[in-house]
Amino acid sequence: MLDGTKRANIKSGMSVAIVLKEDQESGRLTDGIVRDILTKSATHPHGIKVRLMSREVGRVKEIY
């Protein structure tokens, strides 16, 4: 499984599971397709921040 903390592993159009800001405490994941990559740095310890096609924004926890 690819690592969601590395920007190089994430491309627009990929299926991912993200954690939304409001779900960080519960850890509930939201599935979707990557629209934009918002994190500029190469890595982020909590996951790369992306915008899904659904316009939801969160950090990548799983890559499918």
C-alpha atoms as a PDB file:
ATOM      1  CA  MET A   1       0.000   0.000   0.000  1.00  0.00           C
ATOM      2  CA  LEU A   2       1.286   3.465  -0.865  1.00  0.00           C
ATOM      3  CA  ASP A   3       2.147   5.981   1.846  1.00  0.00           C
ATOM      4  CA  GLY A   4      -0.260   8.950   2.152  1.00  0.00           C
ATOM      5  CA  THR A   5       2.423  11.098   3.799  1.00  0.00           C
ATOM      6  CA  LYS A   6       4.476  11.356   0.576  1.00  0.00           C
ATOM      7  CA  ARG A   7       3.296  13.815  -2.086  1.00  0.00           C
ATOM      8  CA  ALA A   8       4.987  11.808  -4.882  1.00  0.00           C
ATOM      9  CA  ASN A   9       2.592   8.867  -4.207  1.00  0.00           C
ATOM     10  CA  ILE A  10      -0.542  10.945  -4.833  1.00  0.00           C
ATOM     11  CA  LYS A  11      -1.844  11.963  -8.251  1.00  0.00           C
ATOM     12  CA  SER A  12      -5.006  13.690  -9.412  1.00  0.00           C
ATOM     13  CA  GLY A  13      -7.653  11.077 -10.263  1.00  0.00           C
ATOM     14  CA  MET A  14      -6.538   8.496  -7.675  1.00  0.00           C
ATOM     15  CA  SER A  15      -8.964   6.818  -5.266  1.00  0.00           C
ATOM     16  CA  VAL A  16      -8.076   7.672  -1.672  1.00  0.00           C
ATOM     17  CA  ALA A  17      -9.510   7.743   1.846  1.00  0.00           C
ATOM     18  CA  ILE A  18      -9.077  11.045   3.674  1.00  0.00           C
ATOM     19  CA  VAL A  19      -9.806  12.248   7.184  1.00  0.00           C
ATOM     20  CA  LEU A  20     -11.755  15.524   7.205  1.00  0.00           C
ATOM     21  CA  LYS A  21     -10.877  18.247   9.733  1.00  0.00           C
ATOM     22  CA  GLU A  22     -14.094  17.599  11.688  1.00  0.00           C
ATOM     23  CA  ASP A  23     -13.416  13.832  11.727  1.00  0.00           C
ATOM     24  CA  GLN A  24      -9.848  14.004  13.075  1.00  0.00           C
ATOM     25  CA  GLU A  25     -10.926  13.065  16.620  1.00  0.00           C
ATOM     26  CA  SER A  26     -13.123  10.130  15.538  1.00  0.00           C
ATOM     27  CA  GLY A  27     -10.751   9.060  12.749  1.00  0.00           C
ATOM     28  CA  ARG A  28     -13.694   8.515  10.359  1.00  0.00           C
ATOM     29  CA  LEU A  29     -12.470   8.200   6.765  1.00  0.00           C
ATOM     30  CA  THR A  30     -14.112   9.638   3.646  1.00  0.00           C
ATOM     31  CA  ASP A  31     -13.502   7.940   0.288  1.00  0.00           C
ATOM     32  CA  GLY A  32     -13.136   9.907  -2.909  1.00  0.00           C
ATOM     33  CA  ILE A  33     -11.171  10.794  -6.020  1.00  0.00           C
ATOM     34  CA  VAL A  34      -8.306  13.318  -5.767  1.00  0.00           C
ATOM     35  CA  ARG A  35      -9.021  16.596  -7.577  1.00  0.00           C
ATOM     36  CA  ASP A  36      -6.163  18.826  -6.290  1.00  0.00           C
ATOM     37  CA  ILE A  37      -3.108  18.308  -4.085  1.00  0.00           C
ATOM     38  CA  LEU A  38      -2.993  21.150  -1.561  1.00  0.00           C
ATOM     39  CA  THR A  39       0.185  20.331   0.402  1.00  0.00           C
ATOM     40  CA  LYS A  40       3.207  21.994  -1.225  1.00  0.00           C
ATOM     41  CA  SER A  41       5.930  20.124   0.690  1.00  0.00           C
ATOM     42  CA  ALA A  42       7.174  16.670  -0.390  1.00  0.00           C
ATOM     43  CA  THR A  43       5.977  14.995   2.832  1.00  0.00           C
ATOM     44  CA  HIS A  44       3.669  15.673   5.771  1.00  0.00           C
ATOM     45  CA  PRO A  45       3.585  13.534   8.947  1.00  0.00           C
ATOM     46  CA  HIS A  46      -0.242  13.558   9.163  1.00  0.00           C
ATOM     47  CA  GLY A  47      -0.852  12.955   5.458  1.00  0.00           C
ATOM     48  CA  ILE A  48      -0.865  15.071   2.311  1.00  0.00           C
ATOM     49  CA  LYS A  49      -3.807  17.487   2.179  1.00  0.00           C
ATOM     50  CA  VAL A  50      -5.987  17.063  -0.907  1.00  0.00           C
ATOM     51  CA  ARG A  51      -9.294  18.284  -2.341  1.00  0.00           C
ATOM     52  CA  LEU A  52     -11.603  15.552  -3.617  1.00  0.00           C
ATOM     53  CA  MET A  53     -13.888  15.772  -6.657  1.00  0.00           C
ATOM     54  CA  SER A  54     -16.684  16.267  -4.098  1.00  0.00           C
ATOM     55  CA  ARG A  55     -14.843  19.462  -2.970  1.00  0.00           C
ATOM     56  CA  GLU A  56     -14.149  17.952   0.472  1.00  0.00           C
ATOM     57  CA  VAL A  57     -10.680  18.712   1.876  1.00  0.00           C
ATOM     58  CA  GLY A  58      -8.683  16.438   4.149  1.00  0.00           C
ATOM     59  CA  ARG A  59      -5.472  14.516   4.702  1.00  0.00           C
ATOM     60  CA  VAL A  60      -4.774  11.246   2.855  1.00  0.00           C
ATOM     61  CA  LYS A  61      -4.773   8.193   5.145  1.00  0.00           C
ATOM     62  CA  GLU A  62      -5.128   5.412   2.551  1.00  0.00           C
ATOM     63  CA  ILE A  63      -4.425   5.112  -1.177  1.00  0.00           C
ATOM     64  CA  TYR A  64      -6.320   2.484  -3.214  1.00  0.00           C
END
